[in-house]
Structures are given as C-alpha cells and as structure tokens.
Amino acid sequence: MPSIEERIARLEGRVEELSKRIDDLNHRITSLENRVAALEQRITILEQRVDRYFRWTIGVMLSVMIPMWVSIILAILLT
C-alpha cells in the first residue's frame, strides 16, 4: 500500500492535470465566444444589406407601377 506522501503527490498531480484541462477549456470557450461575436456582426451587416436592397427593389417597383396604373386609368377614362 502506498504511503500518504505518495498518495498526496499523486492527487496533486491529478489536480494539476485537471487545472490545465480547465484552463484549456476556458481558452476554448473564450475563442468560441469571439467567433460567435464575429458571426453575429457579419449577420447584422448582411441583414442591413438585405434591408437596403429590399427598399431599393420596392422603390423601383413602385416607380414603375404607379405611372403604369395612372396611364391605364387615364387610357380607360379618355376612351
């Protein structure tokens, strides 16, 4: 049976290993948080771009459809 000193030394070694693993996990979590933050920023930029293009498309559609309907209504009324 190992002595108390050997058992304590073994436990200290295990605690050091666990501490290193926890530090590594903390580093990985921080890295993932940074990557998620970067992805959130990219998604926000894409949302803004989609909104801008949607407004532009609606503007073009209205600028074409309004004169078209006015022309149709006038053609009907004047005939």
PDB file of N, CA and C in Angstrom:
ATOM      1  N   MET A   1       0.846  -1.177   0.000  1.00  0.00           N
ATOM      2  CA  MET A   1       0.000   0.000   0.000  1.00  0.00           C
ATOM      3  C   MET A   1       0.892   1.240   0.000  1.00  0.00           C
ATOM      4  N   PRO A   2       0.581   2.220  -0.909  1.00  0.00           N
ATOM      5  CA  PRO A   2       1.414   3.421  -0.986  1.00  0.00           C
ATOM      6  C   PRO A   2       1.288   4.252   0.292  1.00  0.00           C
ATOM      7  N   SER A   3       2.354   4.992   0.536  1.00  0.00           N
ATOM      8  CA  SER A   3       2.352   5.846   1.728  1.00  0.00           C
ATOM      9  C   SER A   3       1.490   7.082   1.488  1.00  0.00           C
ATOM     10  N   ILE A   4       1.232   7.811   2.560  1.00  0.00           N
ATOM     11  CA  ILE A   4       0.392   9.015   2.466  1.00  0.00           C
ATOM     12  C   ILE A   4       1.043  10.047   1.557  1.00  0.00           C
ATOM     13  N   GLU A   5       2.376  10.189   1.647  1.00  0.00           N
ATOM     14  CA  GLU A   5       3.076  11.171   0.806  1.00  0.00           C
ATOM     15  C   GLU A   5       2.908  10.836  -0.677  1.00  0.00           C
ATOM     16  N   GLU A   6       3.008   9.554  -1.001  1.00  0.00           N
ATOM     17  CA  GLU A   6       2.844   9.137  -2.398  1.00  0.00           C
ATOM     18  C   GLU A   6       1.419   9.396  -2.878  1.00  0.00           C
ATOM     19  N   ARG A   7       0.473   9.099  -2.020  1.00  0.00           N
ATOM     20  CA  ARG A   7      -0.931   9.316  -2.378  1.00  0.00           C
ATOM     21  C   ARG A   7      -1.220  10.800  -2.566  1.00  0.00           C
ATOM     22  N   ILE A   8      -0.674  11.635  -1.681  1.00  0.00           N
ATOM     23  CA  ILE A   8      -0.866  13.086  -1.799  1.00  0.00           C
ATOM     24  C   ILE A   8      -0.197  13.601  -3.066  1.00  0.00           C
ATOM     25  N   ALA A   9       1.019  13.107  -3.362  1.00  0.00           N
ATOM     26  CA  ALA A   9       1.722  13.529  -4.579  1.00  0.00           C
ATOM     27  C   ALA A   9       0.913  13.149  -5.815  1.00  0.00           C
ATOM     28  N   ARG A  10       0.343  11.956  -5.779  1.00  0.00           N
ATOM     29  CA  ARG A  10      -0.481  11.514  -6.913  1.00  0.00           C
ATOM     30  C   ARG A  10      -1.711  12.412  -7.063  1.00  0.00           C
ATOM     31  N   LEU A  11      -2.363  12.724  -5.962  1.00  0.00           N
ATOM     32  CA  LEU A  11      -3.527  13.614  -6.006  1.00  0.00           C
ATOM     33  C   LEU A  11      -3.152  15.009  -6.496  1.00  0.00           C
ATOM     34  N   GLU A  12      -2.001  15.515  -6.060  1.00  0.00           N
ATOM     35  CA  GLU A  12      -1.549  16.831  -6.525  1.00  0.00           C
ATOM     36  C   GLU A  12      -1.329  16.823  -8.030  1.00  0.00           C
ATOM     37  N   GLY A  13      -0.761  15.732  -8.539  1.00  0.00           N
ATOM     38  CA  GLY A  13      -0.560  15.611  -9.984  1.00  0.00           C
ATOM     39  C   GLY A  13      -1.885  15.609 -10.729  1.00  0.00           C
ATOM     40  N   ARG A  14      -2.857  14.895 -10.193  1.00  0.00           N
ATOM     41  CA  ARG A  14      -4.176  14.858 -10.834  1.00  0.00           C
ATOM     42  C   ARG A  14      -4.835  16.229 -10.795  1.00  0.00           C
ATOM     43  N   VAL A  15      -4.691  16.929  -9.674  1.00  0.00           N
ATOM     44  CA  VAL A  15      -5.279  18.267  -9.560  1.00  0.00           C
ATOM     45  C   VAL A  15      -4.637  19.207 -10.573  1.00  0.00           C
ATOM     46  N   GLU A  16      -3.316  19.089 -10.763  1.00  0.00           N
ATOM     47  CA  GLU A  16      -2.636  19.921 -11.768  1.00  0.00           C
ATOM     48  C   GLU A  16      -3.163  19.625 -13.166  1.00  0.00           C
ATOM     49  N   GLU A  17      -3.336  18.350 -13.478  1.00  0.00           N
ATOM     50  CA  GLU A  17      -3.875  17.974 -14.786  1.00  0.00           C
ATOM     51  C   GLU A  17      -5.270  18.561 -14.985  1.00  0.00           C
ATOM     52  N   LEU A  18      -6.098  18.434 -13.964  1.00  0.00           N
ATOM     53  CA  LEU A  18      -7.453  18.986 -14.064  1.00  0.00           C
ATOM     54  C   LEU A  18      -7.420  20.498 -14.222  1.00  0.00           C
ATOM     55  N   SER A  19      -6.520  21.144 -13.516  1.00  0.00           N
ATOM     56  CA  SER A  19      -6.400  22.599 -13.628  1.00  0.00           C
ATOM     57  C   SER A  19      -6.003  22.999 -15.050  1.00  0.00           C
ATOM     58  N   LYS A  20      -5.063  22.257 -15.632  1.00  0.00           N
ATOM     59  CA  LYS A  20      -4.651  22.543 -17.012  1.00  0.00           C
ATOM     60  C   LYS A  20      -5.815  22.322 -17.982  1.00  0.00           C
ATOM     61  N   ARG A  21      -6.574  21.264 -17.764  1.00  0.00           N
ATOM     62  CA  ARG A  21      -7.726  20.997 -18.634  1.00  0.00           C
ATOM     63  C   ARG A  21      -8.763  22.112 -18.526  1.00  0.00           C
ATOM     64  N   ILE A  22      -9.015  22.563 -17.305  1.00  0.00           N
ATOM     65  CA  ILE A  22      -9.987  23.642 -17.108  1.00  0.00           C
ATOM     66  C   ILE A  22      -9.500  24.920 -17.776  1.00  0.00           C
ATOM     67  N   ASP A  23      -8.201  25.216 -17.643  1.00  0.00           N
ATOM     68  CA  ASP A  23      -7.654  26.402 -18.310  1.00  0.00           C
ATOM     69  C   ASP A  23      -7.805  26.293 -19.823  1.00  0.00           C
ATOM     70  N   ASP A  24      -7.547  25.095 -20.364  1.00  0.00           N
ATOM     71  CA  ASP A  24      -7.697  24.880 -21.802  1.00  0.00           C
ATOM     72  C   ASP A  24      -9.155  25.058 -22.224  1.00  0.00           C
ATOM     73  N   LEU A  25     -10.078  24.525 -21.427  1.00  0.00           N
ATOM     74  CA  LEU A  25     -11.498  24.696 -21.736  1.00  0.00           C
ATOM     75  C   LEU A  25     -11.900  26.167 -21.692  1.00  0.00           C
ATOM     76  N   ASN A  26     -11.411  26.898 -20.710  1.00  0.00           N
ATOM     77  CA  ASN A  26     -11.706  28.332 -20.630  1.00  0.00           C
ATOM     78  C   ASN A  26     -11.194  29.060 -21.868  1.00  0.00           C
ATOM     79  N   HIS A  27     -10.000  28.689 -22.312  1.00  0.00           N
ATOM     80  CA  HIS A  27      -9.433  29.312 -23.516  1.00  0.00           C
ATOM     81  C   HIS A  27     -10.291  28.990 -24.738  1.00  0.00           C
ATOM     82  N   ARG A  28     -10.708  27.739 -24.852  1.00  0.00           N
ATOM     83  CA  ARG A  28     -11.541  27.350 -25.993  1.00  0.00           C
ATOM     84  C   ARG A  28     -12.899  28.052 -25.965  1.00  0.00           C
ATOM     85  N   ILE A  29     -13.485  28.175 -24.788  1.00  0.00           N
ATOM     86  CA  ILE A  29     -14.778  28.856 -24.676  1.00  0.00           C
ATOM     87  C   ILE A  29     -14.640  30.319 -25.065  1.00  0.00           C
ATOM     88  N   THR A  30     -13.564  30.956 -24.616  1.00  0.00           N
ATOM     89  CA  THR A  30     -13.325  32.352 -24.985  1.00  0.00           C
ATOM     90  C   THR A  30     -13.163  32.484 -26.493  1.00  0.00           C
ATOM     91  N   SER A  31     -12.440  31.537 -27.089  1.00  0.00           N
ATOM     92  CA  SER A  31     -12.260  31.554 -28.540  1.00  0.00           C
ATOM     93  C   SER A  31     -13.597  31.396 -29.259  1.00  0.00           C
ATOM     94  N   LEU A  32     -14.437  30.484 -28.782  1.00  0.00           N
ATOM     95  CA  LEU A  32     -15.755  30.292 -29.391  1.00  0.00           C
ATOM     96  C   LEU A  32     -16.630  31.530 -29.227  1.00  0.00           C
ATOM     97  N   GLU A  33     -16.566  32.158 -28.060  1.00  0.00           N
ATOM     98  CA  GLU A  33     -17.343  33.379 -27.845  1.00  0.00           C
ATOM     99  C   GLU A  33     -16.926  34.462 -28.836  1.00  0.00           C
ATOM    100  N   ASN A  34     -15.623  34.579 -29.078  1.00  0.00           N
ATOM    101  CA  ASN A  34     -15.139  35.574 -30.041  1.00  0.00           C
ATOM    102  C   ASN A  34     -15.622  35.260 -31.452  1.00  0.00           C
ATOM    103  N   ARG A  35     -15.609  33.971 -31.812  1.00  0.00           N
ATOM    104  CA  ARG A  35     -16.075  33.596 -33.142  1.00  0.00           C
ATOM    105  C   ARG A  35     -17.569  33.852 -33.302  1.00  0.00           C
ATOM    106  N   VAL A  36     -18.344  33.558 -32.265  1.00  0.00           N
ATOM    107  CA  VAL A  36     -19.786  33.807 -32.320  1.00  0.00           C
ATOM    108  C   VAL A  36     -20.056  35.303 -32.436  1.00  0.00           C
ATOM    109  N   ALA A  37     -19.298  36.110 -31.702  1.00  0.00           N
ATOM    110  CA  ALA A  37     -19.467  37.564 -31.788  1.00  0.00           C
ATOM    111  C   ALA A  37     -19.161  38.055 -33.202  1.00  0.00           C
ATOM    112  N   ALA A  38     -18.115  37.502 -33.819  1.00  0.00           N
ATOM    113  CA  ALA A  38     -17.782  37.892 -35.194  1.00  0.00           C
ATOM    114  C   ALA A  38     -18.893  37.476 -36.157  1.00  0.00           C
ATOM    115  N   LEU A  39     -19.453  36.289 -35.961  1.00  0.00           N
ATOM    116  CA  LEU A  39     -20.558  35.839 -36.816  1.00  0.00           C
ATOM    117  C   LEU A  39     -21.794  36.711 -36.634  1.00  0.00           C
ATOM    118  N   GLU A  40     -22.070  37.102 -35.392  1.00  0.00           N
ATOM    119  CA  GLU A  40     -23.209  37.991 -35.148  1.00  0.00           C
ATOM    120  C   GLU A  40     -23.026  39.316 -35.877  1.00  0.00           C
ATOM    121  N   GLN A  41     -21.809  39.820 -35.874  1.00  0.00           N
ATOM    122  CA  GLN A  41     -21.537  41.079 -36.568  1.00  0.00           C
ATOM    123  C   GLN A  41     -21.741  40.915 -38.074  1.00  0.00           C
ATOM    124  N   ARG A  42     -21.260  39.805 -38.634  1.00  0.00           N
ATOM    125  CA  ARG A  42     -21.441  39.571 -40.064  1.00  0.00           C
ATOM    126  C   ARG A  42     -22.917  39.424 -40.414  1.00  0.00           C
ATOM    127  N   ILE A  43     -23.678  38.737 -39.566  1.00  0.00           N
ATOM    128  CA  ILE A  43     -25.113  38.573 -39.818  1.00  0.00           C
ATOM    129  C   ILE A  43     -25.819  39.915 -39.771  1.00  0.00           C
ATOM    130  N   THR A  44     -25.437  40.763 -38.829  1.00  0.00           N
ATOM    131  CA  THR A  44     -26.030  42.098 -38.739  1.00  0.00           C
ATOM    132  C   THR A  44     -25.759  42.893 -40.009  1.00  0.00           C
ATOM    133  N   ILE A  45     -24.542  42.820 -40.510  1.00  0.00           N
ATOM    134  CA  ILE A  45     -24.195  43.528 -41.747  1.00  0.00           C
ATOM    135  C   ILE A  45     -25.023  42.987 -42.909  1.00  0.00           C
ATOM    136  N   LEU A  46     -25.182  41.663 -42.987  1.00  0.00           N
ATOM    137  CA  LEU A  46     -25.987  41.070 -44.061  1.00  0.00           C
ATOM    138  C   LEU A  46     -27.452  41.479 -43.953  1.00  0.00           C
ATOM    139  N   GLU A  47     -27.979  41.526 -42.734  1.00  0.00           N
ATOM    140  CA  GLU A  47     -29.366  41.970 -42.553  1.00  0.00           C
ATOM    141  C   GLU A  47     -29.544  43.401 -43.043  1.00  0.00           C
ATOM    142  N   GLN A  48     -28.599  44.256 -42.727  1.00  0.00           N
ATOM    143  CA  GLN A  48     -28.686  45.646 -43.179  1.00  0.00           C
ATOM    144  C   GLN A  48     -28.646  45.719 -44.699  1.00  0.00           C
ATOM    145  N   ARG A  49     -27.796  44.904 -45.304  1.00  0.00           N
ATOM    146  CA  ARG A  49     -27.685  44.905 -46.763  1.00  0.00           C
ATOM    147  C   ARG A  49     -28.984  44.411 -47.404  1.00  0.00           C
ATOM    148  N   VAL A  50     -29.571  43.350 -46.847  1.00  0.00           N
ATOM    149  CA  VAL A  50     -30.829  42.822 -47.381  1.00  0.00           C
ATOM    150  C   VAL A  50     -31.931  43.867 -47.256  1.00  0.00           C
ATOM    151  N   ASP A  51     -31.996  44.542 -46.104  1.00  0.00           N
ATOM    152  CA  ASP A  51     -32.998  45.599 -45.925  1.00  0.00           C
ATOM    153  C   ASP A  51     -32.826  46.701 -46.962  1.00  0.00           C
ATOM    154  N   ARG A  52     -31.583  47.092 -47.203  1.00  0.00           N
ATOM    155  CA  ARG A  52     -31.310  48.148 -48.177  1.00  0.00           C
ATOM    156  C   ARG A  52     -31.756  47.719 -49.574  1.00  0.00           C
ATOM    157  N   TYR A  53     -31.409  46.497 -49.982  1.00  0.00           N
ATOM    158  CA  TYR A  53     -31.795  46.015 -51.305  1.00  0.00           C
ATOM    159  C   TYR A  53     -33.305  45.848 -51.419  1.00  0.00           C
ATOM    160  N   PHE A  54     -33.957  45.438 -50.330  1.00  0.00           N
ATOM    161  CA  PHE A  54     -35.407  45.291 -50.353  1.00  0.00           C
ATOM    162  C   PHE A  54     -36.068  46.645 -50.568  1.00  0.00           C
ATOM    163  N   ARG A  55     -35.619  47.657 -49.847  1.00  0.00           N
ATOM    164  CA  ARG A  55     -36.180  49.001 -50.026  1.00  0.00           C
ATOM    165  C   ARG A  55     -35.941  49.497 -51.449  1.00  0.00           C
ATOM    166  N   TRP A  56     -34.755  49.239 -51.978  1.00  0.00           N
ATOM    167  CA  TRP A  56     -34.439  49.671 -53.329  1.00  0.00           C
ATOM    168  C   TRP A  56     -35.369  48.974 -54.322  1.00  0.00           C
ATOM    169  N   THR A  57     -35.582  47.676 -54.150  1.00  0.00           N
ATOM    170  CA  THR A  57     -36.458  46.920 -55.055  1.00  0.00           C
ATOM    171  C   THR A  57     -37.889  47.433 -54.990  1.00  0.00           C
ATOM    172  N   ILE A  58     -38.395  47.679 -53.784  1.00  0.00           N
ATOM    173  CA  ILE A  58     -39.749  48.210 -53.634  1.00  0.00           C
ATOM    174  C   ILE A  58     -39.844  49.583 -54.292  1.00  0.00           C
ATOM    175  N   GLY A  59     -38.828  50.406 -54.126  1.00  0.00           N
ATOM    176  CA  GLY A  59     -38.823  51.730 -54.754  1.00  0.00           C
ATOM    177  C   GLY A  59     -38.894  51.644 -56.266  1.00  0.00           C
ATOM    178  N   VAL A  60     -38.124  50.735 -56.848  1.00  0.00           N
ATOM    179  CA  VAL A  60     -38.142  50.562 -58.304  1.00  0.00           C
ATOM    180  C   VAL A  60     -39.509  50.054 -58.758  1.00  0.00           C
ATOM    181  N   MET A  61     -40.056  49.093 -58.023  1.00  0.00           N
ATOM    182  CA  MET A  61     -41.366  48.555 -58.398  1.00  0.00           C
ATOM    183  C   MET A  61     -42.436  49.638 -58.354  1.00  0.00           C
ATOM    184  N   LEU A  62     -42.436  50.438 -57.302  1.00  0.00           N
ATOM    185  CA  LEU A  62     -43.437  51.498 -57.199  1.00  0.00           C
ATOM    186  C   LEU A  62     -43.242  52.567 -58.267  1.00  0.00           C
ATOM    187  N   SER A  63     -41.994  52.895 -58.563  1.00  0.00           N
ATOM    188  CA  SER A  63     -41.754  53.927 -59.575  1.00  0.00           C
ATOM    189  C   SER A  63     -42.173  53.459 -60.967  1.00  0.00           C
ATOM    190  N   VAL A  64     -42.273  52.159 -61.181  1.00  0.00           N
ATOM    191  CA  VAL A  64     -42.743  51.631 -62.460  1.00  0.00           C
ATOM    192  C   VAL A  64     -44.257  51.422 -62.433  1.00  0.00           C
ATOM    193  N   MET A  65     -44.772  50.905 -61.332  1.00  0.00           N
ATOM    194  CA  MET A  65     -46.187  50.540 -61.275  1.00  0.00           C
ATOM    195  C   MET A  65     -47.113  51.753 -61.179  1.00  0.00           C
ATOM    196  N   ILE A  66     -46.729  52.766 -60.437  1.00  0.00           N
ATOM    197  CA  ILE A  66     -47.611  53.934 -60.290  1.00  0.00           C
ATOM    198  C   ILE A  66     -47.860  54.616 -61.633  1.00  0.00           C
ATOM    199  N   PRO A  67     -46.826  54.951 -62.412  1.00  0.00           N
ATOM    200  CA  PRO A  67     -47.110  55.554 -63.719  1.00  0.00           C
ATOM    201  C   PRO A  67     -47.876  54.612 -64.656  1.00  0.00           C
ATOM    202  N   MET A  68     -47.613  53.316 -64.543  1.00  0.00           N
ATOM    203  CA  MET A  68     -48.318  52.359 -65.386  1.00  0.00           C
ATOM    204  C   MET A  68     -49.816  52.384 -65.063  1.00  0.00           C
ATOM    205  N   TRP A  69     -50.180  52.337 -63.800  1.00  0.00           N
ATOM    206  CA  TRP A  69     -51.590  52.362 -63.412  1.00  0.00           C
ATOM    207  C   TRP A  69     -52.242  53.694 -63.749  1.00  0.00           C
ATOM    208  N   VAL A  70     -51.502  54.771 -63.571  1.00  0.00           N
ATOM    209  CA  VAL A  70     -52.051  56.082 -63.951  1.00  0.00           C
ATOM    210  C   VAL A  70     -52.327  56.103 -65.446  1.00  0.00           C
ATOM    211  N   SER A  71     -51.400  55.575 -66.241  1.00  0.00           N
ATOM    212  CA  SER A  71     -51.597  55.534 -67.693  1.00  0.00           C
ATOM    213  C   SER A  71     -52.793  54.666 -68.066  1.00  0.00           C
ATOM    214  N   ILE A  72     -52.940  53.524 -67.427  1.00  0.00           N
ATOM    215  CA  ILE A  72     -54.071  52.639 -67.722  1.00  0.00           C
ATOM    216  C   ILE A  72     -55.387  53.312 -67.359  1.00  0.00           C
ATOM    217  N   ILE A  73     -55.439  53.928 -66.188  1.00  0.00           N
ATOM    218  CA  ILE A  73     -56.671  54.597 -65.760  1.00  0.00           C
ATOM    219  C   ILE A  73     -57.009  55.751 -66.695  1.00  0.00           C
ATOM    220  N   LEU A  74     -56.006  56.533 -67.067  1.00  0.00           N
ATOM    221  CA  LEU A  74     -56.254  57.645 -67.993  1.00  0.00           C
ATOM    222  C   LEU A  74     -56.703  57.133 -69.357  1.00  0.00           C
ATOM    223  N   ALA A  75     -56.098  56.048 -69.833  1.00  0.00           N
ATOM    224  CA  ALA A  75     -56.493  55.486 -71.124  1.00  0.00           C
ATOM    225  C   ALA A  75     -57.942  55.014 -71.078  1.00  0.00           C
ATOM    226  N   ILE A  76     -58.351  54.423 -69.957  1.00  0.00           N
ATOM    227  CA  ILE A  76     -59.738  53.962 -69.824  1.00  0.00           C
ATOM    228  C   ILE A  76     -60.688  55.154 -69.760  1.00  0.00           C
ATOM    229  N   LEU A  77     -60.325  56.159 -68.986  1.00  0.00           N
ATOM    230  CA  LEU A  77     -61.198  57.319 -68.820  1.00  0.00           C
ATOM    231  C   LEU A  77     -61.300  58.167 -70.090  1.00  0.00           C
ATOM    232  N   LEU A  78     -60.240  58.239 -70.848  1.00  0.00           N
ATOM    233  CA  LEU A  78     -60.229  59.098 -72.032  1.00  0.00           C
ATOM    234  C   LEU A  78     -60.762  58.394 -73.275  1.00  0.00           C
ATOM    235  N   THR A  79     -61.041  57.125 -73.213  1.00  0.00           N
ATOM    236  CA  THR A  79     -61.601  56.453 -74.381  1.00  0.00           C
ATOM    237  C   THR A  79     -63.087  56.367 -74.352  1.00  0.00           C
TER     238      THR A  79
END
